[in-house]
Every structure is written in C-alpha cells, then in structure tokens.
C-alpha atoms as a PDB file:
ATOM      1  CA  MET A   1    -109.783 -53.730 102.965  1.00  0.00           C
ATOM      2  CA  GLU A   2    -112.095 -54.068 105.942  1.00  0.00           C
ATOM      3  CA  THR A   3    -109.886 -51.783 108.045  1.00  0.00           C
ATOM      4  CA  VAL A   4    -109.704 -49.175 105.272  1.00  0.00           C
ATOM      5  CA  TYR A   5    -113.502 -49.265 104.891  1.00  0.00           C
ATOM      6  CA  LEU A   6    -114.044 -48.895 108.644  1.00  0.00           C
ATOM      7  CA  CYS A   7    -111.468 -46.105 108.940  1.00  0.00           C
ATOM      8  CA  GLY A   8    -113.148 -44.122 106.164  1.00  0.00           C
ATOM      9  CA  LEU A   9    -116.495 -44.337 107.906  1.00  0.00           C
ATOM     10  CA  ALA A  10    -114.850 -43.573 111.262  1.00  0.00           C
ATOM     11  CA  PHE A  11    -113.577 -40.284 109.801  1.00  0.00           C
ATOM     12  CA  LEU A  12    -117.076 -39.436 108.561  1.00  0.00           C
ATOM     13  CA  ALA A  13    -118.575 -40.484 111.908  1.00  0.00           C
ATOM     14  CA  GLY A  14    -116.133 -38.264 113.797  1.00  0.00           C
ATOM     15  CA  LEU A  15    -116.972 -35.292 111.574  1.00  0.00           C
ATOM     16  CA  VAL A  16    -120.727 -35.777 111.923  1.00  0.00           C
ATOM     17  CA  ASP A  17    -120.586 -36.524 115.650  1.00  0.00           C
ATOM     18  CA  SER A  18    -118.534 -33.451 116.506  1.00  0.00           C
ATOM     19  CA  VAL A  19    -121.090 -31.175 114.831  1.00  0.00           C
ATOM     20  CA  VAL A  20    -124.522 -32.668 115.520  1.00  0.00           C
ATOM     21  CA  GLY A  21    -123.977 -36.011 117.230  1.00  0.00           C
ATOM     22  CA  GLY A  22    -125.079 -39.328 115.806  1.00  0.00           C
ATOM     23  CA  GLY A  23    -121.693 -40.564 114.615  1.00  0.00           C
ATOM     24  CA  GLY A  24    -122.604 -43.973 115.960  1.00  0.00           C
ATOM     25  CA  LEU A  25    -125.405 -44.083 113.384  1.00  0.00           C
ATOM     26  CA  ILE A  26    -122.632 -44.365 110.792  1.00  0.00           C
ATOM     27  CA  GLN A  27    -119.935 -46.292 112.622  1.00  0.00           C
ATOM     28  CA  LEU A  28    -121.879 -48.991 114.469  1.00  0.00           C
ATOM     29  CA  PRO A  29    -123.792 -50.343 111.437  1.00  0.00           C
ATOM     30  CA  ALA A  30    -120.493 -50.524 109.540  1.00  0.00           C
ATOM     31  CA  LEU A  31    -118.982 -52.611 112.329  1.00  0.00           C
ATOM     32  CA  LEU A  32    -122.056 -54.837 112.452  1.00  0.00           C
ATOM     33  CA  MET A  33    -121.751 -55.527 108.717  1.00  0.00           C
ATOM     34  CA  VAL A  34    -118.043 -56.367 108.988  1.00  0.00           C
ATOM     35  CA  LEU A  35    -118.305 -58.504 112.124  1.00  0.00           C
ATOM     36  CA  SER A  36    -121.633 -60.288 111.602  1.00  0.00           C
ATOM     37  CA  PRO A  37    -120.330 -63.081 109.331  1.00  0.00           C
ATOM     38  CA  ALA A  38    -117.418 -63.901 111.671  1.00  0.00           C
ATOM     39  CA  PRO A  39    -118.018 -66.782 114.096  1.00  0.00           C
ATOM     40  CA  GLY A  40    -117.524 -65.947 117.740  1.00  0.00           C
ATOM     41  CA  ASP A  41    -117.964 -62.191 117.271  1.00  0.00           C
ATOM     42  CA  SER A  42    -121.017 -60.888 119.114  1.00  0.00           C
ATOM     43  CA  LEU A  43    -122.905 -57.639 118.937  1.00  0.00           C
ATOM     44  CA  THR A  44    -121.307 -56.554 122.194  1.00  0.00           C
ATOM     45  CA  THR A  45    -117.903 -56.755 120.482  1.00  0.00           C
ATOM     46  CA  ALA A  46    -119.160 -54.331 117.833  1.00  0.00           C
ATOM     47  CA  PHE A  47    -120.478 -52.048 120.564  1.00  0.00           C
ATOM     48  CA  GLY A  48    -117.180 -52.152 122.467  1.00  0.00           C
ATOM     49  CA  THR A  49    -115.075 -51.486 119.361  1.00  0.00           C
ATOM     50  CA  ASN A  50    -117.378 -48.620 118.400  1.00  0.00           C
ATOM     51  CA  LYS A  51    -117.076 -47.053 121.865  1.00  0.00           C
ATOM     52  CA  LEU A  52    -113.267 -47.021 121.895  1.00  0.00           C
ATOM     53  CA  SER A  53    -113.127 -45.432 118.462  1.00  0.00           C
ATOM     54  CA  SER A  54    -115.828 -42.910 119.365  1.00  0.00           C
ATOM     55  CA  ILE A  55    -114.237 -41.703 122.583  1.00  0.00           C
ATOM     56  CA  CYS A  56    -111.107 -40.655 120.684  1.00  0.00           C
ATOM     57  CA  GLY A  57    -113.079 -38.237 118.520  1.00  0.00           C
ATOM     58  CA  THR A  58    -115.285 -37.096 121.396  1.00  0.00           C
ATOM     59  CA  GLY A  59    -112.266 -36.204 123.515  1.00  0.00           C
ATOM     60  CA  ALA A  60    -110.763 -34.195 120.654  1.00  0.00           C
ATOM     61  CA  ALA A  61    -114.071 -32.344 120.172  1.00  0.00           C
ATOM     62  CA  VAL A  62    -114.282 -31.438 123.879  1.00  0.00           C
ATOM     63  CA  ILE A  63    -110.798 -29.903 123.754  1.00  0.00           C
ATOM     64  CA  GLN A  64    -111.562 -27.935 120.595  1.00  0.00           C
ATOM     65  CA  TYR A  65    -114.925 -26.631 121.784  1.00  0.00           C
ATOM     66  CA  SER A  66    -113.596 -25.656 125.228  1.00  0.00           C
ATOM     67  CA  ARG A  67    -111.121 -23.307 123.565  1.00  0.00           C
ATOM     68  CA  ARG A  68    -113.747 -21.416 121.559  1.00  0.00           C
ATOM     69  CA  VAL A  69    -117.158 -21.919 123.209  1.00  0.00           C
ATOM     70  CA  ARG A  70    -118.207 -21.033 126.755  1.00  0.00           C
ATOM     71  CA  ILE A  71    -119.058 -24.301 128.537  1.00  0.00           C
ATOM     72  CA  GLN A  72    -121.055 -24.367 131.790  1.00  0.00           C
ATOM     73  CA  TRP A  73    -118.714 -26.696 133.673  1.00  0.00           C
ATOM     74  CA  THR A  74    -120.508 -26.283 137.030  1.00  0.00           C
ATOM     75  CA  SER A  75    -123.659 -27.772 135.496  1.00  0.00           C
ATOM     76  CA  LEU A  76    -122.046 -30.296 133.182  1.00  0.00           C
ATOM     77  CA  LEU A  77    -119.587 -31.981 135.523  1.00  0.00           C
ATOM     78  CA  PRO A  78    -122.309 -33.347 137.892  1.00  0.00           C
ATOM     79  CA  ALA A  79    -124.304 -34.420 134.839  1.00  0.00           C
ATOM     80  CA  GLY A  80    -121.204 -36.102 133.444  1.00  0.00           C
ATOM     81  CA  ALA A  81    -120.643 -37.977 136.696  1.00  0.00           C
ATOM     82  CA  ALA A  82    -124.231 -39.299 136.652  1.00  0.00           C
ATOM     83  CA  ALA A  83    -123.883 -40.239 132.996  1.00  0.00           C
ATOM     84  CA  PHE A  84    -120.637 -42.089 133.745  1.00  0.00           C
ATOM     85  CA  VAL A  85    -122.281 -44.311 136.368  1.00  0.00           C
ATOM     86  CA  PHE A  86    -125.402 -45.106 134.369  1.00  0.00           C
ATOM     87  CA  SER A  87    -123.497 -45.709 131.162  1.00  0.00           C
ATOM     88  CA  PHE A  88    -121.656 -48.499 132.985  1.00  0.00           C
ATOM     89  CA  LEU A  89    -124.993 -50.008 134.019  1.00  0.00           C
ATOM     90  CA  GLY A  90    -126.295 -49.764 130.454  1.00  0.00           C
ATOM     91  CA  ALA A  91    -123.200 -51.538 129.133  1.00  0.00           C
ATOM     92  CA  ARG A  92    -123.750 -54.367 131.608  1.00  0.00           C
ATOM     93  CA  VAL A  93    -127.352 -54.772 130.477  1.00  0.00           C
ATOM     94  CA  VAL A  94    -126.498 -54.897 126.767  1.00  0.00           C
ATOM     95  CA  ALA A  95    -123.769 -57.469 127.415  1.00  0.00           C
ATOM     96  CA  SER A  96    -126.328 -59.779 129.012  1.00  0.00           C
ATOM     97  CA  LEU A  97    -128.735 -59.802 126.051  1.00  0.00           C
ATOM     98  CA  LYS A  98    -128.744 -62.377 123.274  1.00  0.00           C
ATOM     99  CA  PRO A  99    -127.504 -61.010 119.905  1.00  0.00           C
ATOM    100  CA  GLU A 100    -130.466 -62.335 117.932  1.00  0.00           C
ATOM    101  CA  LYS A 101    -132.817 -60.326 120.168  1.00  0.00           C
ATOM    102  CA  LEU A 102    -130.707 -57.175 120.105  1.00  0.00           C
ATOM    103  CA  ARG A 103    -130.160 -56.776 116.346  1.00  0.00           C
ATOM    104  CA  PRO A 104    -133.801 -55.938 115.438  1.00  0.00           C
ATOM    105  CA  LEU A 105    -133.927 -53.589 118.438  1.00  0.00           C
ATOM    106  CA  VAL A 106    -130.880 -51.741 117.096  1.00  0.00           C
ATOM    107  CA  LEU A 107    -132.595 -50.978 113.786  1.00  0.00           C
ATOM    108  CA  ILE A 108    -135.909 -49.990 115.393  1.00  0.00           C
ATOM    109  CA  LEU A 109    -134.280 -47.601 117.873  1.00  0.00           C
ATOM    110  CA  LEU A 110    -132.201 -45.971 115.161  1.00  0.00           C
ATOM    111  CA  VAL A 111    -135.219 -45.232 112.955  1.00  0.00           C
ATOM    112  CA  ILE A 112    -137.439 -43.993 115.809  1.00  0.00           C
ATOM    113  CA  ALA A 113    -134.720 -41.780 117.315  1.00  0.00           C
ATOM    114  CA  GLY A 114    -133.734 -40.253 114.000  1.00  0.00           C
ATOM    115  CA  ALA A 115    -137.307 -39.644 112.800  1.00  0.00           C
ATOM    116  CA  TYR A 116    -138.404 -37.921 115.998  1.00  0.00           C
ATOM    117  CA  ILE A 117    -135.407 -35.605 116.268  1.00  0.00           C
ATOM    118  CA  CYS A 118    -135.389 -34.727 112.572  1.00  0.00           C
ATOM    119  CA  CYS A 119    -139.122 -33.921 112.408  1.00  0.00           C
ATOM    120  CA  TYR A 120    -139.046 -31.802 115.570  1.00  0.00           C
ATOM    121  CA  THR A 121    -136.059 -29.793 114.348  1.00  0.00           C
ATOM    122  CA  TYR A 122    -137.632 -29.233 110.922  1.00  0.00           C
ATOM    123  CA  TRP A 123    -140.934 -27.878 112.219  1.00  0.00           C
ATOM    124  CA  ARG A 124    -139.349 -25.640 114.873  1.00  0.00           C
ATOM    125  CA  LYS A 125    -137.753 -23.068 112.560  1.00  0.00           C
ATOM    126  CA  ASP A 126    -136.210 -21.115 115.456  1.00  0.00           C
ATOM    127  CA  PHE A 127    -134.957 -24.265 117.174  1.00  0.00           C
ATOM    128  CA  GLY A 128    -131.428 -23.622 118.427  1.00  0.00           C
ATOM    129  CA  SER A 129    -131.025 -20.205 116.791  1.00  0.00           C
ATOM    130  CA  LEU A 130    -130.772 -18.207 120.039  1.00  0.00           C
ATOM    131  CA  HIS A 131    -128.832 -18.827 123.233  1.00  0.00           C
ATOM    132  CA  ALA A 132    -131.269 -18.059 126.066  1.00  0.00           C
ATOM    133  CA  PRO A 133    -130.692 -20.341 129.116  1.00  0.00           C
ATOM    134  CA  GLN A 134    -133.974 -21.148 130.858  1.00  0.00           C
ATOM    135  CA  PHE A 135    -132.784 -22.089 134.344  1.00  0.00           C
ATOM    136  CA  THR A 136    -130.773 -20.785 137.257  1.00  0.00           C
ATOM    137  CA  ALA A 137    -127.403 -22.466 137.831  1.00  0.00           C
ATOM    138  CA  HIS A 138    -128.878 -24.678 140.585  1.00  0.00           C
ATOM    139  CA  ARG A 139    -131.811 -25.847 138.455  1.00  0.00           C
ATOM    140  CA  GLU A 140    -129.495 -26.374 135.519  1.00  0.00           C
ATOM    141  CA  ARG A 141    -127.378 -28.745 137.605  1.00  0.00           C
ATOM    142  CA  GLN A 142    -130.447 -30.667 138.771  1.00  0.00           C
ATOM    143  CA  PHE A 143    -131.873 -31.155 135.295  1.00  0.00           C
ATOM    144  CA  GLY A 144    -128.377 -31.892 134.017  1.00  0.00           C
ATOM    145  CA  VAL A 145    -128.022 -34.793 136.444  1.00  0.00           C
ATOM    146  CA  LEU A 146    -131.421 -36.186 135.402  1.00  0.00           C
ATOM    147  CA  ALA A 147    -130.447 -35.942 131.752  1.00  0.00           C
ATOM    148  CA  GLY A 148    -127.109 -37.592 132.572  1.00  0.00           C
ATOM    149  CA  ILE A 149    -128.876 -40.539 134.191  1.00  0.00           C
ATOM    150  CA  GLY A 150    -131.209 -41.186 131.257  1.00  0.00           C
ATOM    151  CA  ILE A 151    -128.756 -40.500 128.460  1.00  0.00           C
ATOM    152  CA  GLY A 152    -125.956 -42.298 130.291  1.00  0.00           C
ATOM    153  CA  PHE A 153    -127.918 -45.531 130.499  1.00  0.00           C
ATOM    154  CA  TYR A 154    -129.034 -45.202 126.878  1.00  0.00           C
ATOM    155  CA  ASP A 155    -125.482 -44.613 125.657  1.00  0.00           C
ATOM    156  CA  GLY A 156    -124.056 -47.557 127.570  1.00  0.00           C
ATOM    157  CA  PHE A 157    -126.887 -49.797 126.400  1.00  0.00           C
ATOM    158  CA  PHE A 158    -127.158 -48.649 122.797  1.00  0.00           C
ATOM    159  CA  GLY A 159    -125.197 -45.508 121.901  1.00  0.00           C
ATOM    160  CA  PRO A 160    -125.984 -44.259 118.375  1.00  0.00           C
ATOM    161  CA  GLY A 161    -127.832 -40.964 118.402  1.00  0.00           C
ATOM    162  CA  THR A 162    -126.722 -40.068 121.942  1.00  0.00           C
ATOM    163  CA  GLY A 163    -125.065 -36.835 120.853  1.00  0.00           C
ATOM    164  CA  SER A 164    -128.141 -35.837 118.864  1.00  0.00           C
ATOM    165  CA  PHE A 165    -130.419 -36.535 121.824  1.00  0.00           C
ATOM    166  CA  LEU A 166    -128.167 -34.438 124.061  1.00  0.00           C
ATOM    167  CA  ILE A 167    -128.213 -31.542 121.618  1.00  0.00           C
ATOM    168  CA  PHE A 168    -132.007 -31.830 121.469  1.00  0.00           C
ATOM    169  CA  ILE A 169    -132.186 -31.698 125.305  1.00  0.00           C
ATOM    170  CA  PHE A 170    -129.780 -28.784 125.689  1.00  0.00           C
ATOM    171  CA  ILE A 171    -131.698 -26.732 123.121  1.00  0.00           C
ATOM    172  CA  GLY A 172    -135.297 -27.739 123.883  1.00  0.00           C
ATOM    173  CA  LEU A 173    -135.032 -27.861 127.686  1.00  0.00           C
ATOM    174  CA  PHE A 174    -132.042 -25.718 128.648  1.00  0.00           C
ATOM    175  CA  GLY A 175    -132.471 -23.019 125.982  1.00  0.00           C
ATOM    176  CA  PHE A 176    -128.964 -23.265 124.495  1.00  0.00           C
ATOM    177  CA  ASP A 177    -128.198 -22.465 120.866  1.00  0.00           C
ATOM    178  CA  PHE A 178    -126.901 -25.178 118.538  1.00  0.00           C
ATOM    179  CA  LEU A 179    -123.225 -24.397 119.031  1.00  0.00           C
ATOM    180  CA  ALA A 180    -123.375 -24.278 122.838  1.00  0.00           C
ATOM    181  CA  ALA A 181    -125.532 -27.405 122.833  1.00  0.00           C
ATOM    182  CA  SER A 182    -123.031 -29.269 120.631  1.00  0.00           C
ATOM    183  CA  ALA A 183    -120.168 -28.329 122.957  1.00  0.00           C
ATOM    184  CA  SER A 184    -122.117 -29.360 126.072  1.00  0.00           C
ATOM    185  CA  ALA A 185    -123.213 -32.620 124.477  1.00  0.00           C
ATOM    186  CA  LYS A 186    -119.601 -33.600 123.843  1.00  0.00           C
ATOM    187  CA  VAL A 187    -118.744 -33.272 127.545  1.00  0.00           C
ATOM    188  CA  ILE A 188    -121.535 -35.634 128.620  1.00  0.00           C
ATOM    189  CA  ASN A 189    -120.846 -37.943 125.701  1.00  0.00           C
ATOM    190  CA  PHE A 190    -117.194 -38.241 126.707  1.00  0.00           C
ATOM    191  CA  ALA A 191    -118.214 -39.351 130.217  1.00  0.00           C
ATOM    192  CA  THR A 192    -120.624 -41.981 128.918  1.00  0.00           C
ATOM    193  CA  ASN A 193    -118.107 -43.296 126.394  1.00  0.00           C
ATOM    194  CA  LEU A 194    -115.359 -43.492 129.019  1.00  0.00           C
ATOM    195  CA  SER A 195    -117.524 -45.575 131.319  1.00  0.00           C
ATOM    196  CA  ALA A 196    -118.657 -47.943 128.566  1.00  0.00           C
ATOM    197  CA  VAL A 197    -115.116 -48.336 127.209  1.00  0.00           C
ATOM    198  CA  GLY A 198    -113.908 -49.297 130.675  1.00  0.00           C
ATOM    199  CA  TYR A 199    -116.541 -51.992 130.947  1.00  0.00           C
ATOM    200  CA  PHE A 200    -116.044 -53.404 127.458  1.00  0.00           C
ATOM    201  CA  ALA A 201    -112.258 -53.395 127.890  1.00  0.00           C
ATOM    202  CA  CYS A 202    -112.481 -55.311 131.182  1.00  0.00           C
ATOM    203  CA  THR A 203    -114.771 -57.896 129.595  1.00  0.00           C
ATOM    204  CA  HIS A 204    -112.566 -58.240 126.474  1.00  0.00           C
ATOM    205  CA  GLN A 205    -115.235 -56.969 124.083  1.00  0.00           C
ATOM    206  CA  ILE A 206    -113.010 -54.654 122.004  1.00  0.00           C
ATOM    207  CA  LEU A 207    -111.225 -55.546 118.761  1.00  0.00           C
ATOM    208  CA  TYR A 208    -108.195 -53.284 119.047  1.00  0.00           C
ATOM    209  CA  HIS A 209    -106.905 -53.968 115.534  1.00  0.00           C
ATOM    210  CA  TYR A 210    -110.038 -52.216 114.279  1.00  0.00           C
ATOM    211  CA  ALA A 211    -110.681 -49.791 117.126  1.00  0.00           C
ATOM    212  CA  LEU A 212    -107.257 -48.088 117.273  1.00  0.00           C
ATOM    213  CA  PRO A 213    -106.903 -47.090 113.595  1.00  0.00           C
ATOM    214  CA  MET A 214    -110.584 -46.165 113.588  1.00  0.00           C
ATOM    215  CA  GLY A 215    -109.941 -43.995 116.643  1.00  0.00           C
ATOM    216  CA  VAL A 216    -107.212 -42.066 114.825  1.00  0.00           C
ATOM    217  CA  CYS A 217    -109.524 -41.439 111.870  1.00  0.00           C
ATOM    218  CA  ASN A 218    -112.349 -40.503 114.224  1.00  0.00           C
ATOM    219  CA  VAL A 219    -110.116 -37.838 115.792  1.00  0.00           C
ATOM    220  CA  LEU A 220    -109.236 -36.411 112.374  1.00  0.00           C
ATOM    221  CA  GLY A 221    -112.908 -36.274 111.441  1.00  0.00           C
ATOM    222  CA  SER A 222    -113.779 -34.710 114.787  1.00  0.00           C
ATOM    223  CA  LEU A 223    -111.177 -31.961 114.413  1.00  0.00           C
ATOM    224  CA  THR A 224    -112.499 -31.198 110.921  1.00  0.00           C
ATOM    225  CA  GLY A 225    -116.125 -31.107 112.060  1.00  0.00           C
ATOM    226  CA  THR A 226    -115.452 -29.007 115.157  1.00  0.00           C
ATOM    227  CA  ARG A 227    -113.579 -26.418 113.113  1.00  0.00           C
ATOM    228  CA  LEU A 228    -116.459 -26.249 110.620  1.00  0.00           C
ATOM    229  CA  ALA A 229    -119.051 -25.845 113.399  1.00  0.00           C
ATOM    230  CA  ILE A 230    -117.107 -23.030 115.092  1.00  0.00           C
ATOM    231  CA  LEU A 231    -116.386 -21.165 111.860  1.00  0.00           C
ATOM    232  CA  LYS A 232    -119.835 -21.562 110.258  1.00  0.00           C
ATOM    233  CA  GLY A 233    -121.996 -21.126 113.374  1.00  0.00           C
ATOM    234  CA  ASN A 234    -125.574 -22.105 114.226  1.00  0.00           C
ATOM    235  CA  THR A 235    -127.098 -22.008 110.739  1.00  0.00           C
ATOM    236  CA  PHE A 236    -124.576 -24.487 109.399  1.00  0.00           C
ATOM    237  CA  VAL A 237    -125.024 -26.808 112.383  1.00  0.00           C
ATOM    238  CA  ARG A 238    -128.821 -26.779 112.053  1.00  0.00           C
ATOM    239  CA  VAL A 239    -128.799 -27.602 108.326  1.00  0.00           C
ATOM    240  CA  PHE A 240    -126.113 -30.254 108.819  1.00  0.00           C
ATOM    241  CA  PHE A 241    -128.181 -31.777 111.621  1.00  0.00           C
ATOM    242  CA  LEU A 242    -131.267 -32.122 109.419  1.00  0.00           C
ATOM    243  CA  VAL A 243    -129.376 -33.537 106.423  1.00  0.00           C
ATOM    244  CA  VAL A 244    -127.527 -36.127 108.503  1.00  0.00           C
ATOM    245  CA  MET A 245    -130.610 -37.309 110.380  1.00  0.00           C
ATOM    246  CA  ALA A 246    -132.717 -37.561 107.210  1.00  0.00           C
ATOM    247  CA  THR A 247    -129.967 -39.550 105.481  1.00  0.00           C
ATOM    248  CA  MET A 248    -129.694 -41.944 108.397  1.00  0.00           C
ATOM    249  CA  ILE A 249    -133.465 -42.518 108.457  1.00  0.00           C
ATOM    250  CA  LEU A 250    -133.497 -43.396 104.749  1.00  0.00           C
ATOM    251  CA  ARG A 251    -130.469 -45.659 105.081  1.00  0.00           C
ATOM    252  CA  PHE A 252    -131.793 -47.691 107.972  1.00  0.00           C
ATOM    253  CA  GLY A 253    -135.308 -47.754 106.581  1.00  0.00           C
ATOM    254  CA  ARG A 254    -133.867 -49.401 103.498  1.00  0.00           C
ATOM    255  CA  GLN A 255    -132.033 -51.957 105.651  1.00  0.00           C
ATOM    256  CA  VAL A 256    -135.218 -52.806 107.541  1.00  0.00           C
ATOM    257  CA  LEU A 257    -137.294 -53.249 104.384  1.00  0.00           C
ATOM    258  CA  PHE A 258    -134.787 -55.044 102.140  1.00  0.00           C
ATOM    259  CA  ARG A 259    -132.647 -57.047 104.532  1.00  0.00           C
END
C-alpha cells in the first residue's frame, strides 16, 4: 500500500512539476511520512529517493518541451553546468546535517518559498504573460550562471520548489513568458537533479524499491502536464501555478500548526 500511495503522489508531482515546478512539495513530504517511523531511515534517504524519482519526470519534460518550445540552449547549458556543480555541494551539506535539525527547516522553507512566490504572482497581473527577453545573449549567459549557482545549491540541499523558483527567475529577471520559463526551468532542474542523484546513489541514500516505480509514475505525470501546458498556453500555466502554490501553503501550514 505504501508503494501505491507514493506512486499516486509521484504522478501528481510529475504533472505539477512539469507545468509550474514544485513537484517536490508533493513528493518529498509523502516520502517523509512513509519513512519517518522506520528505524535507520534518515531524511537524506527521503531526499535521495525523491531526487531519483524526480529526475525521471524532469527528463521527460525537457524532451517534450524541446520539441515544441524554443529553448535558449546557449544560455542554459552554462547555467546547467554551474547548477550541476553546486547541486552536488548542496547534497553534501544536507547529508552532513542531523535529521532532527533538518525536519523543522524543511517545513519553514516550504511555507516561506510558497508564500512569497504565490503572493508575487498574484499581485503582478501581467506576470509571465508576454515573452520579452531583457538581456543580450552574453548577459543572459552571465545571469544564467549566477542563477545556476544559487538554485543548484538550493536544489541539492533542499529541492522542493526549485522549479517554481526557476520559473520566477526566468520571468521576473529574464523577461520570459510562463511557457518559455517552464521549459527553461526544466533544463536547469534536470542538471541539478542529475548531480544530486549521483551523490545520493554513491552514498547509498536511495531506496530503489520506492524510487523506481515512483519514477515511472513521475514520467507519466510529467508527460500529461507538459502536454497540458503546451496545448493550453500561458493563461493555464499561470492559474495552475497560483492554485498549486496556495494549496501547498495551506497543507504545510496545517502540518506546522497541528503536528
């Protein structure tokens, strides 16, 4: 039953993540609930299992978006390389922390990240509606690398909300619309996930009997979400973004207050 429960949420996480990011806001808490009572299972095991499942859906989303949306590869590949390196460093840091200190931090970061992104998107009515790049190709690469460094470390250390943060950056700073931002976010997210998965696999922090079936379901959800985003366009992605983030804030607020 645990595997069925996790696979169902992995499908939902893949769908949400492919459209607006934040699939980890669904998948990681589910893993924490399943693994927390088991002796010998640490938070880093939940993080590692989450990363392997997530990268399956992220990879599928990159392929789907690249076929339909114009992706600025010359800017994103250097950013992806920076994200790859710093995601590895973030994974090393999180593996060195004590679980009892990390668990409250997980909940706090989730609520803060979700509240900030959701409120900003709500008040900016034109946020992500037009595709109007703000920088030259050279400047875009430079800022892309800086974003890759910060987001890469965050994703390796924590993870949930990374895709949403990337979308926020690509729209607010780079001037992309929601659809182009979602596609670009998946490229960087794939690099960060790949780095973190490599680290967690080498340190034996992945439960493959959960991660592999979850990965399959994550791919199915990702393919569904990507198709919806491409067919429905920016308006759908914006509304979906707000609904998902608001739901996550309420869910984790409830966990903080009534745990």
